[in-house]
Amino acid sequence: EQFNVMKLEINKDRGQIIQTLDTVIAELEATNAQINSAKLAVKEEKNDEVKFQIVTGVTNLTKKIDSLKPMQKIVDQNVEYFKHLTKFGKSIGKYFNQAIEDASYQVKFPSHILNQIIAEHLYKNGLTSVGDMLCAEGKVIVSAESRVKYKEINDIRKDLKSKKLDKAFAWAGKKSAELSKNEYDITYILHKLQFILLAKEGKLKECIEYAQTHLDQYRKNPTLCGEIEHLLASILFLKNLTDSPYRNLYSEAHWNYQVTCLIDKYCAINNFSAKTELSLAVKAGTIALPQLLKVANIMKGKEEWISKKELPVEIDLGRDCLLYTSPSPRDRG
């Protein structure tokens, strides 16, 4: 919040400087236009009248500039601007230029486990060639079955972000028997996304037929019934979906949310987490670091901090990092 206040002050000062300069430029342009107009309007033989208008224009310009006092304003505004800019720089240094080693200590972490975690992270994020290189050089073993699953999920994720559903439907078709045994609504979400694509293309007839063929079967589910009715009602506004009461259904944020749900459910079925151990560790460390630094500063030199491997306080890392709750390790990251 403090940074946002400083940012507003800096932008305000800069805006005032620009406004002063714009005012001076506007006066110069107005005077120049007046002089050019006089030259065109007055015949050549009336040179004295032209000279008089030019002199009058320049005299008025001088008076306006003198009344505005632009140089003094710019100097004063620059002083304020650089004062806030300096304060902002000092605040950044205060909050971010800290020795984070105070909040950590050296631990022996097996390199082969670390390499394994990094390799899994690379494969899960589609960096297959880099993962292969790490496995070869670090002698890391990632099973062929896991690599196939990681590649499949990355291909599906890439297509979903590009509004392509073919690969996701093909995978759901292969896993139909398994999906029917679980409470995962992957097929429903895919049909919902396909309906949204048809609606965004303005295809009313196709939307109705698609809903009757693929969505009607889910109306027996009390959890999904209301959502399906919401979808069907939205096609009344096909000509102007972006300004309709159902615009959220067709927003990019809603599409991305549905894609995230699909990826999470896919990973759950394949018995691995959508989030990598490395990303969770980094997130947990990022959330905990400011509080760890405070605790380290308060307890610096005390026996409780030096000898124990747990913190005397609990640090809430949120639902995504429940595996990292208290007793909180003070290892970095």
C-alpha atoms as a PDB file:
ATOM      1  CA  GLU A   1       0.000   0.000   0.000  1.00  0.00           C
ATOM      2  CA  GLN A   2       2.862   2.360   0.834  1.00  0.00           C
ATOM      3  CA  PHE A   3       4.422   1.745  -2.573  1.00  0.00           C
ATOM      4  CA  ASN A   4       1.113   2.484  -4.298  1.00  0.00           C
ATOM      5  CA  VAL A   5       0.825   5.820  -2.457  1.00  0.00           C
ATOM      6  CA  MET A   6       4.377   6.772  -3.477  1.00  0.00           C
ATOM      7  CA  LYS A   7       3.680   5.731  -7.053  1.00  0.00           C
ATOM      8  CA  LEU A   8       0.596   7.979  -7.150  1.00  0.00           C
ATOM      9  CA  GLU A   9       2.614  10.917  -5.785  1.00  0.00           C
ATOM     10  CA  ILE A  10       5.360  10.421  -8.372  1.00  0.00           C
ATOM     11  CA  ASN A  11       2.847  10.168 -11.221  1.00  0.00           C
ATOM     12  CA  LYS A  12       1.046  13.273  -9.932  1.00  0.00           C
ATOM     13  CA  ASP A  13       4.296  15.292  -9.865  1.00  0.00           C
ATOM     14  CA  ARG A  14       5.251  14.096 -13.330  1.00  0.00           C
ATOM     15  CA  GLY A  15       1.760  14.925 -14.601  1.00  0.00           C
ATOM     16  CA  GLN A  16       2.038  18.501 -13.277  1.00  0.00           C
ATOM     17  CA  ILE A  17       5.372  19.007 -15.037  1.00  0.00           C
ATOM     18  CA  ILE A  18       3.949  17.717 -18.314  1.00  0.00           C
ATOM     19  CA  GLN A  19       0.845  19.884 -17.889  1.00  0.00           C
ATOM     20  CA  THR A  20       2.981  23.023 -17.446  1.00  0.00           C
ATOM     21  CA  LEU A  21       5.007  22.213 -20.555  1.00  0.00           C
ATOM     22  CA  ASP A  22       1.839  21.462 -22.532  1.00  0.00           C
ATOM     23  CA  THR A  23       0.381  24.848 -21.509  1.00  0.00           C
ATOM     24  CA  VAL A  24       3.474  26.683 -22.783  1.00  0.00           C
ATOM     25  CA  ILE A  25       3.480  24.709 -26.022  1.00  0.00           C
ATOM     26  CA  ALA A  26      -0.220  25.428 -26.531  1.00  0.00           C
ATOM     27  CA  GLU A  27       0.376  29.192 -26.129  1.00  0.00           C
ATOM     28  CA  LEU A  28       3.277  29.081 -28.609  1.00  0.00           C
ATOM     29  CA  GLU A  29       1.185  27.175 -31.147  1.00  0.00           C
ATOM     30  CA  ALA A  30      -1.759  29.567 -30.726  1.00  0.00           C
ATOM     31  CA  THR A  31       0.476  32.613 -31.298  1.00  0.00           C
ATOM     32  CA  ASN A  32       2.118  30.954 -34.303  1.00  0.00           C
ATOM     33  CA  ALA A  33      -1.319  30.187 -35.771  1.00  0.00           C
ATOM     34  CA  GLN A  34      -2.402  33.810 -35.214  1.00  0.00           C
ATOM     35  CA  ILE A  35       0.676  35.124 -37.013  1.00  0.00           C
ATOM     36  CA  ASN A  36       0.244  32.737 -39.957  1.00  0.00           C
ATOM     37  CA  SER A  37      -3.427  33.663 -40.188  1.00  0.00           C
ATOM     38  CA  ALA A  38      -2.554  37.365 -40.300  1.00  0.00           C
ATOM     39  CA  LYS A  39      -0.086  36.784 -43.101  1.00  0.00           C
ATOM     40  CA  LEU A  40      -2.695  34.997 -45.192  1.00  0.00           C
ATOM     41  CA  ALA A  41      -5.584  37.363 -44.471  1.00  0.00           C
ATOM     42  CA  VAL A  42      -3.811  40.654 -45.092  1.00  0.00           C
ATOM     43  CA  LYS A  43      -2.734  41.653 -48.588  1.00  0.00           C
ATOM     44  CA  GLU A  44       0.911  42.211 -49.318  1.00  0.00           C
ATOM     45  CA  GLU A  45       0.555  45.975 -49.605  1.00  0.00           C
ATOM     46  CA  LYS A  46      -0.637  46.214 -45.998  1.00  0.00           C
ATOM     47  CA  ASN A  47       2.663  45.150 -44.494  1.00  0.00           C
ATOM     48  CA  ASP A  48       2.260  47.582 -41.594  1.00  0.00           C
ATOM     49  CA  GLU A  49      -0.956  45.850 -40.494  1.00  0.00           C
ATOM     50  CA  VAL A  50       0.774  42.471 -40.672  1.00  0.00           C
ATOM     51  CA  LYS A  51       3.660  43.746 -38.585  1.00  0.00           C
ATOM     52  CA  PHE A  52       1.241  45.209 -36.050  1.00  0.00           C
ATOM     53  CA  GLN A  53      -0.595  41.871 -35.616  1.00  0.00           C
ATOM     54  CA  ILE A  54       2.683  39.988 -35.317  1.00  0.00           C
ATOM     55  CA  VAL A  55       3.985  42.401 -32.682  1.00  0.00           C
ATOM     56  CA  THR A  56       0.662  42.241 -30.838  1.00  0.00           C
ATOM     57  CA  GLY A  57       0.724  38.429 -30.884  1.00  0.00           C
ATOM     58  CA  VAL A  58       4.290  38.230 -29.607  1.00  0.00           C
ATOM     59  CA  THR A  59       3.578  40.847 -26.912  1.00  0.00           C
ATOM     60  CA  ASN A  60       0.512  38.937 -25.691  1.00  0.00           C
ATOM     61  CA  LEU A  61       2.505  35.705 -25.710  1.00  0.00           C
ATOM     62  CA  THR A  62       5.219  37.299 -23.578  1.00  0.00           C
ATOM     63  CA  LYS A  63       2.643  38.531 -21.069  1.00  0.00           C
ATOM     64  CA  LYS A  64       0.992  35.099 -20.842  1.00  0.00           C
ATOM     65  CA  ILE A  65       4.328  33.338 -20.389  1.00  0.00           C
ATOM     66  CA  ASP A  66       5.323  35.839 -17.700  1.00  0.00           C
ATOM     67  CA  SER A  67       2.026  35.274 -15.873  1.00  0.00           C
ATOM     68  CA  LEU A  68       2.386  31.502 -16.061  1.00  0.00           C
ATOM     69  CA  LYS A  69       5.973  31.535 -14.760  1.00  0.00           C
ATOM     70  CA  PRO A  70       6.646  28.136 -16.333  1.00  0.00           C
ATOM     71  CA  MET A  71      10.354  27.966 -15.440  1.00  0.00           C
ATOM     72  CA  GLN A  72       9.703  28.499 -11.741  1.00  0.00           C
ATOM     73  CA  LYS A  73       6.823  26.011 -11.798  1.00  0.00           C
ATOM     74  CA  ILE A  74       8.936  23.351 -13.515  1.00  0.00           C
ATOM     75  CA  VAL A  75      11.788  23.871 -11.039  1.00  0.00           C
ATOM     76  CA  ASP A  76       9.433  23.572  -8.052  1.00  0.00           C
ATOM     77  CA  GLN A  77       7.638  20.575  -9.542  1.00  0.00           C
ATOM     78  CA  ASN A  78      10.958  18.859 -10.310  1.00  0.00           C
ATOM     79  CA  VAL A  79      12.018  19.307  -6.689  1.00  0.00           C
ATOM     80  CA  GLU A  80       8.852  17.523  -5.515  1.00  0.00           C
ATOM     81  CA  TYR A  81       9.187  14.877  -8.209  1.00  0.00           C
ATOM     82  CA  PHE A  82      12.758  13.941  -7.301  1.00  0.00           C
ATOM     83  CA  LYS A  83      11.985  14.129  -3.575  1.00  0.00           C
ATOM     84  CA  HIS A  84       9.279  11.483  -3.950  1.00  0.00           C
ATOM     85  CA  LEU A  85      11.429   9.481  -6.380  1.00  0.00           C
ATOM     86  CA  THR A  86      14.291   9.399  -3.875  1.00  0.00           C
ATOM     87  CA  LYS A  87      11.932   8.405  -1.083  1.00  0.00           C
ATOM     88  CA  PHE A  88      10.550   5.621  -3.253  1.00  0.00           C
ATOM     89  CA  GLY A  89      14.065   4.320  -3.981  1.00  0.00           C
ATOM     90  CA  LYS A  90      14.961   4.294  -0.295  1.00  0.00           C
ATOM     91  CA  SER A  91      11.761   2.423   0.558  1.00  0.00           C
ATOM     92  CA  ILE A  92      12.509  -0.216  -2.066  1.00  0.00           C
ATOM     93  CA  GLY A  93      16.000  -0.617  -0.656  1.00  0.00           C
ATOM     94  CA  LYS A  94      14.604  -0.911   2.866  1.00  0.00           C
ATOM     95  CA  TYR A  95      12.129  -3.634   1.949  1.00  0.00           C
ATOM     96  CA  PHE A  96      14.034  -5.597  -0.691  1.00  0.00           C
ATOM     97  CA  ASN A  97      17.725  -5.142  -0.022  1.00  0.00           C
ATOM     98  CA  GLN A  98      17.939  -7.565   2.873  1.00  0.00           C
ATOM     99  CA  ALA A  99      20.349 -10.356   3.698  1.00  0.00           C
ATOM    100  CA  ILE A 100      18.014 -13.323   3.352  1.00  0.00           C
ATOM    101  CA  GLU A 101      20.709 -15.670   4.635  1.00  0.00           C
ATOM    102  CA  ASP A 102      19.758 -14.473   8.138  1.00  0.00           C
ATOM    103  CA  ALA A 103      16.514 -16.420   7.761  1.00  0.00           C
ATOM    104  CA  SER A 104      18.174 -19.666   6.693  1.00  0.00           C
ATOM    105  CA  TYR A 105      20.944 -22.034   7.542  1.00  0.00           C
ATOM    106  CA  GLN A 106      22.969 -24.606   5.668  1.00  0.00           C
ATOM    107  CA  VAL A 107      21.413 -28.045   5.337  1.00  0.00           C
ATOM    108  CA  LYS A 108      22.609 -31.166   3.600  1.00  0.00           C
ATOM    109  CA  PHE A 109      20.116 -31.820   0.840  1.00  0.00           C
ATOM    110  CA  PRO A 110      20.826 -34.843  -1.401  1.00  0.00           C
ATOM    111  CA  SER A 111      21.668 -33.551  -4.865  1.00  0.00           C
ATOM    112  CA  HIS A 112      19.970 -36.479  -6.637  1.00  0.00           C
ATOM    113  CA  ILE A 113      16.636 -35.637  -4.942  1.00  0.00           C
ATOM    114  CA  LEU A 114      16.984 -31.972  -5.914  1.00  0.00           C
ATOM    115  CA  ASN A 115      17.776 -32.957  -9.512  1.00  0.00           C
ATOM    116  CA  GLN A 116      14.745 -35.246  -9.524  1.00  0.00           C
ATOM    117  CA  ILE A 117      12.484 -32.412  -8.324  1.00  0.00           C
ATOM    118  CA  ILE A 118      13.861 -30.029 -10.961  1.00  0.00           C
ATOM    119  CA  ALA A 119      13.500 -32.618 -13.714  1.00  0.00           C
ATOM    120  CA  GLU A 120       9.875 -33.297 -12.773  1.00  0.00           C
ATOM    121  CA  HIS A 121       9.233 -29.555 -12.808  1.00  0.00           C
ATOM    122  CA  LEU A 122      10.717 -29.212 -16.302  1.00  0.00           C
ATOM    123  CA  TYR A 123       8.701 -32.092 -17.744  1.00  0.00           C
ATOM    124  CA  LYS A 124       5.454 -30.915 -16.156  1.00  0.00           C
ATOM    125  CA  ASN A 125       5.959 -27.453 -17.674  1.00  0.00           C
ATOM    126  CA  GLY A 126       6.649 -28.762 -21.171  1.00  0.00           C
ATOM    127  CA  LEU A 127      10.423 -28.158 -21.165  1.00  0.00           C
ATOM    128  CA  THR A 128      11.084 -31.688 -22.402  1.00  0.00           C
ATOM    129  CA  SER A 129      14.439 -31.097 -24.106  1.00  0.00           C
ATOM    130  CA  VAL A 130      15.843 -29.347 -21.021  1.00  0.00           C
ATOM    131  CA  GLY A 131      14.500 -32.141 -18.823  1.00  0.00           C
ATOM    132  CA  ASP A 132      16.142 -34.769 -21.049  1.00  0.00           C
ATOM    133  CA  MET A 133      19.454 -32.924 -20.795  1.00  0.00           C
ATOM    134  CA  LEU A 134      19.241 -32.722 -16.997  1.00  0.00           C
ATOM    135  CA  CYS A 135      18.389 -36.432 -16.763  1.00  0.00           C
ATOM    136  CA  ALA A 136      21.352 -37.328 -18.947  1.00  0.00           C
ATOM    137  CA  GLU A 137      23.882 -35.135 -17.144  1.00  0.00           C
ATOM    138  CA  GLY A 138      22.502 -35.549 -13.603  1.00  0.00           C
ATOM    139  CA  LYS A 139      21.747 -39.249 -13.931  1.00  0.00           C
ATOM    140  CA  VAL A 140      18.104 -38.648 -13.057  1.00  0.00           C
ATOM    141  CA  ILE A 141      15.490 -41.278 -13.848  1.00  0.00           C
ATOM    142  CA  VAL A 142      12.000 -40.179 -14.822  1.00  0.00           C
ATOM    143  CA  SER A 143       9.882 -43.093 -15.994  1.00  0.00           C
ATOM    144  CA  ALA A 144       8.749 -43.274 -19.606  1.00  0.00           C
ATOM    145  CA  GLU A 145       5.151 -43.545 -18.408  1.00  0.00           C
ATOM    146  CA  SER A 146       5.458 -40.270 -16.469  1.00  0.00           C
ATOM    147  CA  ARG A 147       7.034 -38.506 -19.450  1.00  0.00           C
ATOM    148  CA  VAL A 148       4.144 -39.619 -21.682  1.00  0.00           C
ATOM    149  CA  LYS A 149       1.609 -38.261 -19.165  1.00  0.00           C
ATOM    150  CA  TYR A 150       3.472 -34.964 -18.831  1.00  0.00           C
ATOM    151  CA  LYS A 151       3.667 -34.541 -22.611  1.00  0.00           C
ATOM    152  CA  GLU A 152      -0.004 -35.375 -22.999  1.00  0.00           C
ATOM    153  CA  ILE A 153      -1.124 -32.871 -20.392  1.00  0.00           C
ATOM    154  CA  ASN A 154       1.079 -30.136 -21.863  1.00  0.00           C
ATOM    155  CA  ASP A 155      -0.287 -30.756 -25.357  1.00  0.00           C
ATOM    156  CA  ILE A 156      -3.841 -30.602 -24.012  1.00  0.00           C
ATOM    157  CA  ARG A 157      -3.102 -27.447 -21.995  1.00  0.00           C
ATOM    158  CA  LYS A 158      -1.570 -25.735 -25.029  1.00  0.00           C
ATOM    159  CA  ASP A 159      -4.572 -26.576 -27.222  1.00  0.00           C
ATOM    160  CA  LEU A 160      -7.103 -25.509 -24.599  1.00  0.00           C
ATOM    161  CA  LYS A 161      -5.447 -22.105 -24.291  1.00  0.00           C
ATOM    162  CA  SER A 162      -5.751 -21.806 -28.080  1.00  0.00           C
ATOM    163  CA  LYS A 163      -9.479 -22.696 -27.854  1.00  0.00           C
ATOM    164  CA  LYS A 164      -8.922 -26.145 -29.389  1.00  0.00           C
ATOM    165  CA  LEU A 165     -10.732 -29.055 -27.726  1.00  0.00           C
ATOM    166  CA  ASP A 166      -9.985 -32.015 -30.018  1.00  0.00           C
ATOM    167  CA  LYS A 167      -7.105 -33.521 -28.003  1.00  0.00           C
ATOM    168  CA  ALA A 168      -8.959 -33.082 -24.717  1.00  0.00           C
ATOM    169  CA  PHE A 169     -12.063 -34.797 -26.127  1.00  0.00           C
ATOM    170  CA  ALA A 170      -9.901 -37.599 -27.571  1.00  0.00           C
ATOM    171  CA  TRP A 171      -8.284 -38.191 -24.172  1.00  0.00           C
ATOM    172  CA  ALA A 172     -11.672 -38.109 -22.408  1.00  0.00           C
ATOM    173  CA  GLY A 173     -12.967 -40.646 -24.932  1.00  0.00           C
ATOM    174  CA  LYS A 174     -10.100 -43.032 -24.178  1.00  0.00           C
ATOM    175  CA  LYS A 175     -10.692 -42.626 -20.438  1.00  0.00           C
ATOM    176  CA  SER A 176     -14.504 -42.744 -20.552  1.00  0.00           C
ATOM    177  CA  ALA A 177     -14.729 -45.937 -18.478  1.00  0.00           C
ATOM    178  CA  GLU A 178     -12.401 -44.541 -15.827  1.00  0.00           C
ATOM    179  CA  LEU A 179     -14.133 -41.158 -15.806  1.00  0.00           C
ATOM    180  CA  SER A 180     -17.536 -42.757 -15.271  1.00  0.00           C
ATOM    181  CA  LYS A 181     -16.264 -44.349 -12.043  1.00  0.00           C
ATOM    182  CA  ASN A 182     -15.102 -41.023 -10.626  1.00  0.00           C
ATOM    183  CA  GLU A 183     -16.850 -37.846  -9.641  1.00  0.00           C
ATOM    184  CA  TYR A 184     -14.751 -35.833 -12.076  1.00  0.00           C
ATOM    185  CA  ASP A 185     -16.825 -33.761 -14.509  1.00  0.00           C
ATOM    186  CA  ILE A 186     -14.140 -33.494 -17.181  1.00  0.00           C
ATOM    187  CA  THR A 187     -16.450 -34.443 -20.054  1.00  0.00           C
ATOM    188  CA  TYR A 188     -19.091 -31.980 -18.866  1.00  0.00           C
ATOM    189  CA  ILE A 189     -16.558 -29.140 -18.717  1.00  0.00           C
ATOM    190  CA  LEU A 190     -15.407 -29.939 -22.248  1.00  0.00           C
ATOM    191  CA  HIS A 191     -18.997 -29.895 -23.541  1.00  0.00           C
ATOM    192  CA  LYS A 192     -19.560 -26.638 -21.709  1.00  0.00           C
ATOM    193  CA  LEU A 193     -16.492 -25.083 -23.366  1.00  0.00           C
ATOM    194  CA  GLN A 194     -17.628 -26.326 -26.787  1.00  0.00           C
ATOM    195  CA  PHE A 195     -21.046 -24.747 -26.198  1.00  0.00           C
ATOM    196  CA  ILE A 196     -19.343 -21.462 -25.288  1.00  0.00           C
ATOM    197  CA  LEU A 197     -17.307 -21.519 -28.510  1.00  0.00           C
ATOM    198  CA  LEU A 198     -20.457 -22.089 -30.591  1.00  0.00           C
ATOM    199  CA  ALA A 199     -22.279 -19.281 -28.783  1.00  0.00           C
ATOM    200  CA  LYS A 200     -19.400 -16.845 -29.307  1.00  0.00           C
ATOM    201  CA  GLU A 201     -19.611 -17.616 -33.028  1.00  0.00           C
ATOM    202  CA  GLY A 202     -23.313 -16.669 -32.924  1.00  0.00           C
ATOM    203  CA  LYS A 203     -24.551 -20.126 -33.986  1.00  0.00           C
ATOM    204  CA  LEU A 204     -27.965 -20.295 -32.341  1.00  0.00           C
ATOM    205  CA  LYS A 205     -29.216 -23.476 -34.043  1.00  0.00           C
ATOM    206  CA  GLU A 206     -25.947 -25.319 -33.363  1.00  0.00           C
ATOM    207  CA  CYS A 207     -26.048 -24.246 -29.691  1.00  0.00           C
ATOM    208  CA  ILE A 208     -29.541 -25.653 -29.204  1.00  0.00           C
ATOM    209  CA  GLU A 209     -28.706 -28.920 -30.959  1.00  0.00           C
ATOM    210  CA  TYR A 210     -25.451 -29.296 -29.035  1.00  0.00           C
ATOM    211  CA  ALA A 211     -27.168 -28.663 -25.695  1.00  0.00           C
ATOM    212  CA  GLN A 212     -29.866 -31.234 -26.483  1.00  0.00           C
ATOM    213  CA  THR A 213     -27.278 -33.843 -27.539  1.00  0.00           C
ATOM    214  CA  HIS A 214     -24.523 -33.334 -24.983  1.00  0.00           C
ATOM    215  CA  LEU A 215     -25.683 -31.193 -22.045  1.00  0.00           C
ATOM    216  CA  ASP A 216     -29.201 -32.487 -21.444  1.00  0.00           C
ATOM    217  CA  GLN A 217     -27.838 -35.684 -19.829  1.00  0.00           C
ATOM    218  CA  TYR A 218     -26.249 -33.614 -17.035  1.00  0.00           C
ATOM    219  CA  ARG A 219     -29.454 -31.809 -16.040  1.00  0.00           C
ATOM    220  CA  LYS A 220     -30.284 -34.679 -13.684  1.00  0.00           C
ATOM    221  CA  ASN A 221     -27.311 -33.601 -11.611  1.00  0.00           C
ATOM    222  CA  PRO A 222     -28.623 -30.976  -9.119  1.00  0.00           C
ATOM    223  CA  THR A 223     -25.170 -29.387  -8.934  1.00  0.00           C
ATOM    224  CA  LEU A 224     -24.985 -28.825 -12.697  1.00  0.00           C
ATOM    225  CA  CYS A 225     -28.639 -28.182 -13.504  1.00  0.00           C
ATOM    226  CA  GLY A 226     -28.572 -24.490 -12.583  1.00  0.00           C
ATOM    227  CA  GLU A 227     -25.380 -23.866 -14.514  1.00  0.00           C
ATOM    228  CA  ILE A 228     -26.779 -25.543 -17.638  1.00  0.00           C
ATOM    229  CA  GLU A 229     -29.943 -23.421 -17.444  1.00  0.00           C
ATOM    230  CA  HIS A 230     -27.694 -20.380 -17.114  1.00  0.00           C
ATOM    231  CA  LEU A 231     -25.841 -21.412 -20.277  1.00  0.00           C
ATOM    232  CA  LEU A 232     -29.058 -21.955 -22.226  1.00  0.00           C
ATOM    233  CA  ALA A 233     -30.478 -18.602 -21.141  1.00  0.00           C
ATOM    234  CA  SER A 234     -27.344 -16.844 -22.378  1.00  0.00           C
ATOM    235  CA  ILE A 235     -28.049 -17.686 -26.036  1.00  0.00           C
ATOM    236  CA  LEU A 236     -30.920 -15.187 -25.949  1.00  0.00           C
ATOM    237  CA  PHE A 237     -28.182 -12.541 -26.088  1.00  0.00           C
ATOM    238  CA  LEU A 238     -26.052 -14.058 -28.861  1.00  0.00           C
ATOM    239  CA  LYS A 239     -25.918 -10.779 -30.764  1.00  0.00           C
ATOM    240  CA  ASN A 240     -24.358  -8.940 -27.830  1.00  0.00           C
ATOM    241  CA  LEU A 241     -22.868 -11.420 -25.368  1.00  0.00           C
ATOM    242  CA  THR A 242     -20.183  -9.031 -24.106  1.00  0.00           C
ATOM    243  CA  ASP A 243     -22.810  -6.595 -22.759  1.00  0.00           C
ATOM    244  CA  SER A 244     -25.308  -9.206 -21.618  1.00  0.00           C
ATOM    245  CA  PRO A 245     -26.028 -10.349 -18.035  1.00  0.00           C
ATOM    246  CA  TYR A 246     -24.138 -13.554 -18.952  1.00  0.00           C
ATOM    247  CA  ARG A 247     -20.946 -11.880 -20.152  1.00  0.00           C
ATOM    248  CA  ASN A 248     -18.876 -13.500 -17.390  1.00  0.00           C
ATOM    249  CA  LEU A 249     -19.537 -16.922 -18.940  1.00  0.00           C
ATOM    250  CA  TYR A 250     -17.810 -15.775 -22.118  1.00  0.00           C
ATOM    251  CA  SER A 251     -14.909 -13.892 -20.585  1.00  0.00           C
ATOM    252  CA  GLU A 252     -11.286 -14.952 -20.979  1.00  0.00           C
ATOM    253  CA  ALA A 253     -10.993 -15.270 -17.206  1.00  0.00           C
ATOM    254  CA  HIS A 254     -13.833 -17.823 -17.112  1.00  0.00           C
ATOM    255  CA  TRP A 255     -12.260 -19.836 -19.933  1.00  0.00           C
ATOM    256  CA  ASN A 256      -8.888 -19.882 -18.162  1.00  0.00           C
ATOM    257  CA  TYR A 257     -10.561 -20.953 -14.921  1.00  0.00           C
ATOM    258  CA  GLN A 258     -12.257 -23.883 -16.669  1.00  0.00           C
ATOM    259  CA  VAL A 259      -8.939 -24.871 -18.269  1.00  0.00           C
ATOM    260  CA  THR A 260      -7.293 -24.857 -14.831  1.00  0.00           C
ATOM    261  CA  CYS A 261     -10.076 -27.068 -13.464  1.00  0.00           C
ATOM    262  CA  LEU A 262      -9.608 -29.504 -16.339  1.00  0.00           C
ATOM    263  CA  ILE A 263      -5.855 -29.708 -15.840  1.00  0.00           C
ATOM    264  CA  ASP A 264      -6.269 -30.249 -12.091  1.00  0.00           C
ATOM    265  CA  LYS A 265      -8.790 -33.055 -12.664  1.00  0.00           C
ATOM    266  CA  TYR A 266      -6.604 -34.661 -15.325  1.00  0.00           C
ATOM    267  CA  CYS A 267      -3.649 -34.698 -12.944  1.00  0.00           C
ATOM    268  CA  ALA A 268      -5.773 -36.082 -10.116  1.00  0.00           C
ATOM    269  CA  ILE A 269      -6.907 -38.996 -12.291  1.00  0.00           C
ATOM    270  CA  ASN A 270      -3.277 -39.706 -13.201  1.00  0.00           C
ATOM    271  CA  ASN A 271      -2.235 -39.582  -9.536  1.00  0.00           C
ATOM    272  CA  PHE A 272       0.066 -36.578  -9.671  1.00  0.00           C
ATOM    273  CA  SER A 273      -0.274 -32.957  -8.654  1.00  0.00           C
ATOM    274  CA  ALA A 274      -0.805 -30.199 -11.216  1.00  0.00           C
ATOM    275  CA  LYS A 275       1.648 -28.112  -9.195  1.00  0.00           C
ATOM    276  CA  THR A 276       5.261 -29.177  -9.017  1.00  0.00           C
ATOM    277  CA  GLU A 277       7.179 -29.645  -5.784  1.00  0.00           C
ATOM    278  CA  LEU A 278       9.594 -26.945  -6.926  1.00  0.00           C
ATOM    279  CA  SER A 279       6.866 -24.358  -7.558  1.00  0.00           C
ATOM    280  CA  LEU A 280       5.247 -25.139  -4.196  1.00  0.00           C
ATOM    281  CA  ALA A 281       8.582 -24.764  -2.405  1.00  0.00           C
ATOM    282  CA  VAL A 282       9.262 -21.433  -4.099  1.00  0.00           C
ATOM    283  CA  LYS A 283       5.754 -20.196  -3.310  1.00  0.00           C
ATOM    284  CA  ALA A 284       6.013 -21.259   0.325  1.00  0.00           C
ATOM    285  CA  GLY A 285       9.415 -19.633   0.676  1.00  0.00           C
ATOM    286  CA  THR A 286       8.231 -16.407  -0.973  1.00  0.00           C
ATOM    287  CA  ILE A 287       5.236 -16.135   1.359  1.00  0.00           C
ATOM    288  CA  ALA A 288       7.239 -17.006   4.475  1.00  0.00           C
ATOM    289  CA  LEU A 289      10.415 -15.025   3.789  1.00  0.00           C
ATOM    290  CA  PRO A 290       9.273 -11.564   5.031  1.00  0.00           C
ATOM    291  CA  GLN A 291       8.054 -13.055   8.321  1.00  0.00           C
ATOM    292  CA  LEU A 292      11.160 -15.244   8.611  1.00  0.00           C
ATOM    293  CA  LEU A 293      13.330 -12.144   8.281  1.00  0.00           C
ATOM    294  CA  LYS A 294      11.400 -10.402  11.063  1.00  0.00           C
ATOM    295  CA  VAL A 295      11.705 -13.410  13.355  1.00  0.00           C
ATOM    296  CA  ALA A 296      15.405 -13.782  12.525  1.00  0.00           C
ATOM    297  CA  ASN A 297      16.012 -10.116  13.352  1.00  0.00           C
ATOM    298  CA  ILE A 298      14.183 -10.358  16.694  1.00  0.00           C
ATOM    299  CA  MET A 299      15.805 -13.622  17.751  1.00  0.00           C
ATOM    300  CA  LYS A 300      19.255 -12.988  16.335  1.00  0.00           C
ATOM    301  CA  GLY A 301      21.854 -14.565  18.627  1.00  0.00           C
ATOM    302  CA  LYS A 302      19.302 -16.275  20.848  1.00  0.00           C
ATOM    303  CA  GLU A 303      19.686 -19.950  21.614  1.00  0.00           C
ATOM    304  CA  GLU A 304      16.170 -20.797  20.424  1.00  0.00           C
ATOM    305  CA  TRP A 305      17.048 -19.579  16.923  1.00  0.00           C
ATOM    306  CA  ILE A 306      20.535 -21.054  16.726  1.00  0.00           C
ATOM    307  CA  SER A 307      20.000 -24.561  18.096  1.00  0.00           C
ATOM    308  CA  LYS A 308      16.481 -25.520  17.030  1.00  0.00           C
ATOM    309  CA  LYS A 309      15.241 -26.457  13.574  1.00  0.00           C
ATOM    310  CA  GLU A 310      11.761 -25.094  14.173  1.00  0.00           C
ATOM    311  CA  LEU A 311      10.367 -21.592  14.490  1.00  0.00           C
ATOM    312  CA  PRO A 312       8.836 -20.413  17.765  1.00  0.00           C
ATOM    313  CA  VAL A 313       5.866 -19.044  15.790  1.00  0.00           C
ATOM    314  CA  GLU A 314       3.530 -20.440  13.138  1.00  0.00           C
ATOM    315  CA  ILE A 315       3.546 -18.904   9.656  1.00  0.00           C
ATOM    316  CA  ASP A 316       0.328 -19.215   7.664  1.00  0.00           C
ATOM    317  CA  LEU A 317       1.219 -20.162   4.095  1.00  0.00           C
ATOM    318  CA  GLY A 318      -2.358 -20.555   2.830  1.00  0.00           C
ATOM    319  CA  ARG A 319      -4.289 -23.539   1.529  1.00  0.00           C
ATOM    320  CA  ASP A 320      -1.940 -24.184  -1.393  1.00  0.00           C
ATOM    321  CA  CYS A 321       0.961 -24.879   0.960  1.00  0.00           C
ATOM    322  CA  LEU A 322      -0.691 -26.929   3.698  1.00  0.00           C
ATOM    323  CA  LEU A 323       2.200 -29.394   3.610  1.00  0.00           C
ATOM    324  CA  TYR A 324       4.467 -26.601   4.825  1.00  0.00           C
ATOM    325  CA  THR A 325       2.645 -25.663   8.025  1.00  0.00           C
ATOM    326  CA  SER A 326       4.123 -25.348  11.511  1.00  0.00           C
ATOM    327  CA  PRO A 327       6.432 -26.588  12.904  1.00  0.00           C
ATOM    328  CA  SER A 328       7.956 -24.358  10.232  1.00  0.00           C
ATOM    329  CA  PRO A 329      11.348 -25.262   8.858  1.00  0.00           C
ATOM    330  CA  ARG A 330      13.572 -22.237   8.496  1.00  0.00           C
ATOM    331  CA  ASP A 331      15.415 -23.660   5.518  1.00  0.00           C
ATOM    332  CA  ARG A 332      15.518 -21.193   2.652  1.00  0.00           C
ATOM    333  CA  GLY A 333      12.633 -21.624   0.193  1.00  0.00           C
END
